[in-house]
Protein backbone atom coordinates (compact mmCIF):
# COMPACT_ATOMS: atom_id res chain seq x y z
CA MET A 1 33.00 73.05 103.37
CA ALA A 2 32.97 75.05 106.50
CA ASP A 3 34.22 78.60 106.98
CA VAL A 4 36.66 78.35 109.88
CA TYR A 5 38.35 81.30 111.70
CA ILE A 6 41.79 80.61 113.02
CA GLY A 7 43.88 82.89 115.32
CA LEU A 8 47.63 82.99 114.65
CA GLY A 9 50.24 84.34 117.09
CA SER A 10 54.02 84.44 117.48
CA ASN A 11 56.48 86.01 119.84
CA LEU A 12 59.67 84.06 119.39
CA GLY A 13 62.14 84.21 116.55
CA ASP A 14 61.13 85.62 113.22
CA ARG A 15 57.48 86.37 113.99
CA ILE A 16 56.65 87.47 110.48
CA ALA A 17 58.20 84.24 108.94
CA HIS A 18 56.32 82.08 111.42
CA LEU A 19 52.98 83.64 110.55
CA ALA A 20 53.69 83.47 106.82
CA ALA A 21 54.73 79.78 107.03
CA ALA A 22 51.49 79.12 109.09
CA ARG A 23 49.29 80.76 106.38
CA ASP A 24 50.99 78.72 103.63
CA ALA A 25 50.62 75.52 105.67
CA LEU A 26 47.00 76.26 106.48
CA ALA A 27 46.16 76.79 102.76
CA ALA A 28 47.89 73.49 101.91
CA GLN A 29 46.63 71.40 104.74
CA ALA A 30 43.33 72.86 105.98
CA GLY A 31 41.76 74.46 103.04
CA PRO A 32 41.95 77.56 100.88
CA LEU A 33 42.39 80.94 102.64
CA LEU A 34 39.29 83.03 102.32
CA ALA A 35 40.52 86.10 104.12
CA GLN A 36 43.29 87.38 106.38
CA SER A 37 43.46 90.29 108.65
CA SER A 38 46.33 92.75 108.94
CA LEU A 39 49.10 91.85 111.32
CA TYR A 40 48.78 93.28 114.81
CA ASP A 41 51.60 93.92 117.35
CA THR A 42 50.04 93.06 120.66
CA ASP A 43 50.95 93.22 124.31
CA PRO A 44 51.43 89.62 125.78
CA TRP A 45 48.52 88.19 127.61
CA GLY A 46 48.87 86.18 130.76
CA PRO A 47 51.05 85.94 133.88
CA VAL A 48 54.42 85.23 132.17
CA PRO A 49 56.79 88.16 131.26
CA GLN A 50 57.55 88.00 127.56
CA ASP A 51 57.92 89.95 124.31
CA ASN A 52 55.05 91.34 122.30
CA TYR A 53 53.23 89.02 119.85
CA LEU A 54 52.31 89.42 116.28
CA ASN A 55 48.75 88.29 115.81
CA GLN A 56 46.43 87.79 112.92
CA VAL A 57 43.19 85.99 112.11
CA VAL A 58 42.53 84.11 108.91
CA SER A 59 39.53 82.28 107.52
CA VAL A 60 39.73 79.05 105.58
CA ALA A 61 37.16 76.89 103.81
CA SER A 62 37.85 73.52 105.28
CA GLU A 63 36.37 70.00 104.76
CA LEU A 64 38.20 68.69 107.82
CA PRO A 65 36.15 67.90 110.91
CA PRO A 66 37.16 70.11 113.98
CA ARG A 67 39.23 67.42 115.68
CA GLU A 68 41.22 66.64 112.62
CA LEU A 69 41.74 70.30 111.95
CA LEU A 70 43.11 70.72 115.50
CA ALA A 71 45.58 67.88 114.83
CA ARG A 72 46.72 69.64 111.65
CA LEU A 73 47.08 72.96 113.53
CA HIS A 74 49.33 71.26 116.10
CA LYS A 75 51.45 69.67 113.30
CA ILE A 76 51.95 73.19 111.76
CA GLU A 77 52.95 74.49 115.20
CA ARG A 78 55.49 71.76 115.63
CA ALA A 79 56.91 72.52 112.16
CA GLU A 80 57.60 76.08 113.35
CA GLY A 81 59.37 74.89 116.54
CA ARG A 82 56.57 74.74 119.12
CA ASP A 83 56.94 72.05 121.67
CA ARG A 84 53.64 72.09 123.70
CA ALA A 85 54.95 69.21 125.99
CA HIS A 86 57.79 71.39 127.35
CA GLU A 87 56.52 74.91 127.23
CA VAL A 88 55.32 77.16 130.04
CA ARG A 89 51.57 77.70 130.01
CA TYR A 90 50.76 81.16 128.59
CA GLY A 91 54.48 81.59 127.95
CA PRO A 92 56.32 82.65 124.78
CA ARG A 93 55.93 80.50 121.64
CA SER A 94 57.11 80.42 118.06
CA LEU A 95 53.64 79.78 116.79
CA ASP A 96 50.20 79.57 118.29
CA LEU A 97 47.21 78.45 116.29
CA ASP A 98 43.73 78.33 117.69
CA ILE A 99 40.40 77.50 116.14
CA LEU A 100 38.28 80.49 116.99
CA LEU A 101 35.00 79.65 115.09
CA TYR A 102 34.00 76.68 112.93
CA ALA A 103 30.97 77.84 110.89
CA ASP A 104 28.11 77.87 113.37
CA ARG A 105 29.16 74.70 115.20
CA VAL A 106 29.44 74.43 118.99
CA VAL A 107 32.08 71.86 120.12
CA ASP A 108 32.70 70.97 123.76
CA GLU A 109 35.07 68.03 123.98
CA ASP A 110 38.16 67.23 125.89
CA GLY A 111 40.86 69.61 124.50
CA LEU A 112 38.58 71.21 122.06
CA THR A 113 36.00 73.98 122.59
CA ILE A 114 34.48 75.99 119.77
CA PRO A 115 33.85 78.89 119.84
CA HIS A 116 37.14 79.41 121.50
CA PRO A 117 36.25 79.81 125.26
CA ARG A 118 38.06 83.00 125.90
CA ILE A 119 37.42 84.66 122.58
CA GLY A 120 35.27 87.50 124.05
CA GLU A 121 38.09 88.46 126.45
CA ARG A 122 40.90 88.80 124.07
CA ALA A 123 41.38 91.96 122.09
CA PHE A 124 44.31 90.39 120.08
CA VAL A 125 41.70 88.06 118.64
CA LEU A 126 38.67 90.23 118.43
CA VAL A 127 40.30 93.30 116.69
CA PRO A 128 41.69 91.19 113.68
CA LEU A 129 38.55 89.15 113.57
CA ALA A 130 36.39 92.17 113.40
CA GLU A 131 38.58 93.46 110.51
CA ILE A 132 37.73 90.51 108.25
CA ALA A 133 34.28 89.47 109.62
CA PRO A 134 32.63 92.51 111.24
CA ASP A 135 29.12 90.99 110.91
CA ILE A 136 29.98 87.59 112.41
CA MET A 137 28.16 86.59 115.63
CA ILE A 138 29.81 84.98 118.64
CA ASN A 139 27.43 83.30 120.97
CA GLY A 140 24.67 85.59 119.77
CA THR A 141 26.73 88.82 120.03
CA PRO A 142 28.21 90.69 117.02
CA VAL A 143 32.02 90.73 117.06
CA THR A 144 31.88 94.54 116.71
CA THR A 145 29.91 94.77 120.05
CA LEU A 146 32.41 92.53 121.75
CA VAL A 147 35.29 94.69 120.57
CA ARG A 148 33.66 97.72 122.04
CA ARG A 149 33.28 95.95 125.46
CA ILE A 150 37.07 95.39 125.96
CA ASP A 151 40.29 97.40 126.29
CA THR A 152 42.00 97.36 122.84
CA ALA A 153 44.87 99.67 123.75
CA GLY A 154 47.43 96.90 123.58
CA VAL A 155 46.52 95.92 119.98
CA ARG A 156 48.25 98.04 117.36
CA ARG A 157 48.33 97.45 113.58
CA TYR A 158 51.76 96.32 112.74
CA GLN A 159 54.06 98.67 110.79
CA SER A 160 57.03 96.92 109.31
CA GLY A 161 60.43 98.57 109.05
């Protein structure tokens, strides 16, 4: 079993329902949930104008190898309406699932890089990750140090209602 950290995001449709469905599917298809961060309302990242995201990070205990886990994540995304073949890069999406960390493994394959290649630049990932795993190291640097190095103003704990 490997402790795997997965980033979840949604900015189309019922964002809360998409993330809830993703958590349920992850627990059923990837491995039991070990921890989950709060939900965060975040400014969109990238060049495409779009609505805010809801983001979250979860950890699962998975027996799946990284490539098979990625295939499961893509299947879960499709079940929530994502069509990677016809979407705009960095555009809006019903569900986005990313493998952030897979235990202490480093993977650099076509279409799969772990740790996630832009993890240190993205407050919408680092803030929720630091909430559930403040002592975790990313490429030799504590996640809490990485959070202090970036602008986190666009990441707000989600308040429902």
